[in-house]
Amino acid sequence: MKKTFTFAIVHFFVAFSVTWIITGSFVLGGLIALIEPSVNTVAYFFHEKAWQKFGSEKQKPEHKQATLSL
């Protein structure tokens, strides 16, 4: 949980900093820093659902029988 919280803080500051540097606006930087992580969290939820349905099928390991040669 600590790692998630610290990542959220880093994400906030990165979003704020990038927006502030591009626009020069503290208000817009703050709005983007609050909105973007929220939208990203929802997008990540649906990404995980899609990955569970489609992506994990491609990553199933192939089961091969091991043979012992003497």
N, C-alpha and C. Protein backbone atom coordinates (compact mmCIF):
# COMPACT_ATOMS: atom_id res chain seq x y z
N MET A 1 0.82 -1.19 0.00
CA MET A 1 0.00 0.00 0.00
C MET A 1 0.87 1.27 0.00
N LYS A 2 1.99 1.20 0.70
CA LYS A 2 2.89 2.36 0.73
C LYS A 2 3.42 2.67 -0.67
N LYS A 3 3.77 1.61 -1.40
CA LYS A 3 4.30 1.79 -2.75
C LYS A 3 3.25 2.43 -3.65
N THR A 4 2.00 2.00 -3.54
CA THR A 4 0.91 2.57 -4.35
C THR A 4 0.72 4.04 -4.01
N PHE A 5 0.74 4.36 -2.71
CA PHE A 5 0.55 5.75 -2.29
C PHE A 5 1.68 6.64 -2.78
N THR A 6 2.92 6.18 -2.65
CA THR A 6 4.05 6.99 -3.10
C THR A 6 4.04 7.15 -4.62
N PHE A 7 3.61 6.10 -5.35
CA PHE A 7 3.51 6.23 -6.81
C PHE A 7 2.44 7.25 -7.18
N ALA A 8 1.33 7.27 -6.45
CA ALA A 8 0.27 8.25 -6.72
C ALA A 8 0.80 9.67 -6.53
N ILE A 9 1.62 9.88 -5.51
CA ILE A 9 2.20 11.20 -5.28
C ILE A 9 3.14 11.58 -6.42
N VAL A 10 3.98 10.64 -6.83
CA VAL A 10 4.89 10.89 -7.96
C VAL A 10 4.09 11.20 -9.21
N HIS A 11 3.05 10.43 -9.46
CA HIS A 11 2.20 10.63 -10.64
C HIS A 11 1.58 12.04 -10.62
N PHE A 12 1.09 12.45 -9.46
CA PHE A 12 0.51 13.78 -9.31
C PHE A 12 1.52 14.85 -9.67
N PHE A 13 2.72 14.76 -9.10
CA PHE A 13 3.74 15.78 -9.35
C PHE A 13 4.23 15.78 -10.79
N VAL A 14 4.32 14.63 -11.41
CA VAL A 14 4.73 14.58 -12.82
C VAL A 14 3.66 15.22 -13.70
N ALA A 15 2.40 14.85 -13.48
CA ALA A 15 1.31 15.44 -14.27
C ALA A 15 1.24 16.95 -14.08
N PHE A 16 1.36 17.39 -12.82
CA PHE A 16 1.34 18.83 -12.54
C PHE A 16 2.50 19.53 -13.23
N SER A 17 3.71 18.98 -13.06
CA SER A 17 4.91 19.63 -13.60
C SER A 17 4.88 19.74 -15.11
N VAL A 18 4.51 18.66 -15.77
CA VAL A 18 4.48 18.68 -17.24
C VAL A 18 3.46 19.71 -17.73
N THR A 19 2.26 19.70 -17.14
CA THR A 19 1.23 20.65 -17.56
C THR A 19 1.65 22.08 -17.26
N TRP A 20 2.24 22.31 -16.10
CA TRP A 20 2.67 23.66 -15.72
C TRP A 20 3.77 24.16 -16.66
N ILE A 21 4.73 23.28 -16.99
CA ILE A 21 5.81 23.68 -17.89
C ILE A 21 5.27 24.02 -19.28
N ILE A 22 4.31 23.23 -19.75
CA ILE A 22 3.76 23.46 -21.10
C ILE A 22 2.88 24.69 -21.13
N THR A 23 2.03 24.87 -20.11
CA THR A 23 1.04 25.95 -20.15
C THR A 23 1.42 27.17 -19.33
N GLY A 24 2.26 27.00 -18.31
CA GLY A 24 2.58 28.10 -17.42
C GLY A 24 1.49 28.39 -16.41
N SER A 25 0.48 27.53 -16.33
CA SER A 25 -0.66 27.76 -15.44
C SER A 25 -0.66 26.78 -14.27
N PHE A 26 -0.62 27.35 -13.05
CA PHE A 26 -0.71 26.50 -11.86
C PHE A 26 -2.10 25.86 -11.74
N VAL A 27 -3.12 26.62 -12.10
CA VAL A 27 -4.50 26.11 -12.00
C VAL A 27 -4.69 24.94 -12.96
N LEU A 28 -4.30 25.12 -14.20
CA LEU A 28 -4.44 24.04 -15.18
C LEU A 28 -3.57 22.84 -14.79
N GLY A 29 -2.39 23.11 -14.28
CA GLY A 29 -1.51 22.03 -13.81
C GLY A 29 -2.18 21.24 -12.70
N GLY A 30 -2.81 21.94 -11.77
CA GLY A 30 -3.51 21.26 -10.68
C GLY A 30 -4.70 20.46 -11.16
N LEU A 31 -5.47 21.03 -12.08
CA LEU A 31 -6.63 20.30 -12.61
C LEU A 31 -6.22 19.03 -13.34
N ILE A 32 -5.22 19.15 -14.19
CA ILE A 32 -4.74 17.98 -14.93
C ILE A 32 -4.17 16.95 -13.97
N ALA A 33 -3.44 17.41 -12.96
CA ALA A 33 -2.83 16.49 -12.00
C ALA A 33 -3.89 15.73 -11.21
N LEU A 34 -5.06 16.29 -11.03
CA LEU A 34 -6.13 15.59 -10.32
C LEU A 34 -6.96 14.73 -11.26
N ILE A 35 -7.23 15.23 -12.45
CA ILE A 35 -8.11 14.53 -13.38
C ILE A 35 -7.41 13.36 -14.08
N GLU A 36 -6.21 13.60 -14.58
CA GLU A 36 -5.52 12.57 -15.37
C GLU A 36 -5.29 11.28 -14.60
N PRO A 37 -4.79 11.31 -13.37
CA PRO A 37 -4.62 10.05 -12.64
C PRO A 37 -5.95 9.32 -12.39
N SER A 38 -7.01 10.09 -12.18
CA SER A 38 -8.32 9.46 -11.98
C SER A 38 -8.78 8.73 -13.23
N VAL A 39 -8.65 9.38 -14.37
CA VAL A 39 -9.04 8.76 -15.65
C VAL A 39 -8.12 7.58 -15.94
N ASN A 40 -6.84 7.74 -15.66
CA ASN A 40 -5.88 6.67 -15.90
C ASN A 40 -6.18 5.44 -15.04
N THR A 41 -6.64 5.65 -13.82
CA THR A 41 -7.00 4.55 -12.94
C THR A 41 -8.16 3.75 -13.50
N VAL A 42 -9.17 4.43 -14.01
CA VAL A 42 -10.32 3.76 -14.62
C VAL A 42 -9.88 3.01 -15.87
N ALA A 43 -9.05 3.65 -16.69
CA ALA A 43 -8.55 3.00 -17.91
C ALA A 43 -7.76 1.75 -17.56
N TYR A 44 -6.96 1.81 -16.51
CA TYR A 44 -6.15 0.67 -16.10
C TYR A 44 -7.04 -0.50 -15.65
N PHE A 45 -8.15 -0.18 -14.97
CA PHE A 45 -9.09 -1.22 -14.56
C PHE A 45 -9.60 -1.99 -15.77
N PHE A 46 -10.03 -1.27 -16.81
CA PHE A 46 -10.54 -1.94 -18.00
C PHE A 46 -9.43 -2.65 -18.77
N HIS A 47 -8.23 -2.09 -18.75
CA HIS A 47 -7.08 -2.76 -19.38
C HIS A 47 -6.84 -4.11 -18.72
N GLU A 48 -6.89 -4.15 -17.38
CA GLU A 48 -6.69 -5.41 -16.66
C GLU A 48 -7.77 -6.42 -16.99
N LYS A 49 -9.02 -5.99 -17.09
CA LYS A 49 -10.12 -6.89 -17.46
C LYS A 49 -9.89 -7.46 -18.85
N ALA A 50 -9.51 -6.61 -19.79
CA ALA A 50 -9.24 -7.07 -21.16
C ALA A 50 -8.04 -8.00 -21.19
N TRP A 51 -7.02 -7.69 -20.40
CA TRP A 51 -5.82 -8.53 -20.36
C TRP A 51 -6.15 -9.92 -19.81
N GLN A 52 -6.99 -9.97 -18.80
CA GLN A 52 -7.39 -11.25 -18.23
C GLN A 52 -8.15 -12.08 -19.25
N LYS A 53 -8.92 -11.42 -20.09
CA LYS A 53 -9.72 -12.15 -21.07
C LYS A 53 -8.92 -12.54 -22.31
N PHE A 54 -8.10 -11.62 -22.82
CA PHE A 54 -7.42 -11.86 -24.09
C PHE A 54 -5.91 -12.07 -23.97
N GLY A 55 -5.26 -11.29 -23.16
CA GLY A 55 -3.80 -11.30 -23.09
C GLY A 55 -3.22 -12.51 -22.41
N SER A 56 -3.88 -13.00 -21.39
CA SER A 56 -3.31 -14.10 -20.62
C SER A 56 -3.33 -15.41 -21.39
N GLU A 57 -4.19 -15.53 -22.38
CA GLU A 57 -4.24 -16.76 -23.17
C GLU A 57 -2.94 -16.96 -23.94
N LYS A 58 -2.32 -15.88 -24.34
CA LYS A 58 -1.08 -15.96 -25.11
C LYS A 58 0.12 -16.26 -24.24
N GLN A 59 -0.01 -16.09 -22.94
CA GLN A 59 1.12 -16.28 -22.04
C GLN A 59 1.10 -17.60 -21.30
N LYS A 60 0.12 -18.45 -21.58
CA LYS A 60 0.09 -19.73 -20.89
C LYS A 60 1.29 -20.56 -21.35
N PRO A 61 2.03 -21.09 -20.41
CA PRO A 61 3.21 -21.88 -20.81
C PRO A 61 2.79 -23.19 -21.46
N GLU A 62 3.60 -23.57 -22.41
CA GLU A 62 3.34 -24.86 -23.06
C GLU A 62 3.85 -25.96 -22.16
N HIS A 63 3.06 -26.98 -22.02
CA HIS A 63 3.46 -28.11 -21.18
C HIS A 63 4.05 -29.19 -22.08
N LYS A 64 5.34 -29.40 -21.93
CA LYS A 64 6.01 -30.44 -22.69
C LYS A 64 6.49 -31.48 -21.69
N GLN A 65 6.40 -32.71 -22.08
CA GLN A 65 6.88 -33.77 -21.21
C GLN A 65 8.38 -33.86 -21.33
N ALA A 66 9.01 -33.93 -20.20
CA ALA A 66 10.46 -34.09 -20.18
C ALA A 66 10.78 -35.57 -20.37
N THR A 67 11.78 -35.84 -21.17
CA THR A 67 12.21 -37.22 -21.36
C THR A 67 13.64 -37.35 -20.86
N LEU A 68 13.92 -38.47 -20.33
CA LEU A 68 15.25 -38.74 -19.80
C LEU A 68 15.96 -39.70 -20.75
N SER A 69 17.05 -39.22 -21.30
CA SER A 69 17.83 -40.07 -22.20
C SER A 69 19.06 -40.56 -21.49
N LEU A 70 19.31 -41.84 -21.60
CA LEU A 70 20.52 -42.42 -21.00
C LEU A 70 21.45 -42.93 -22.05
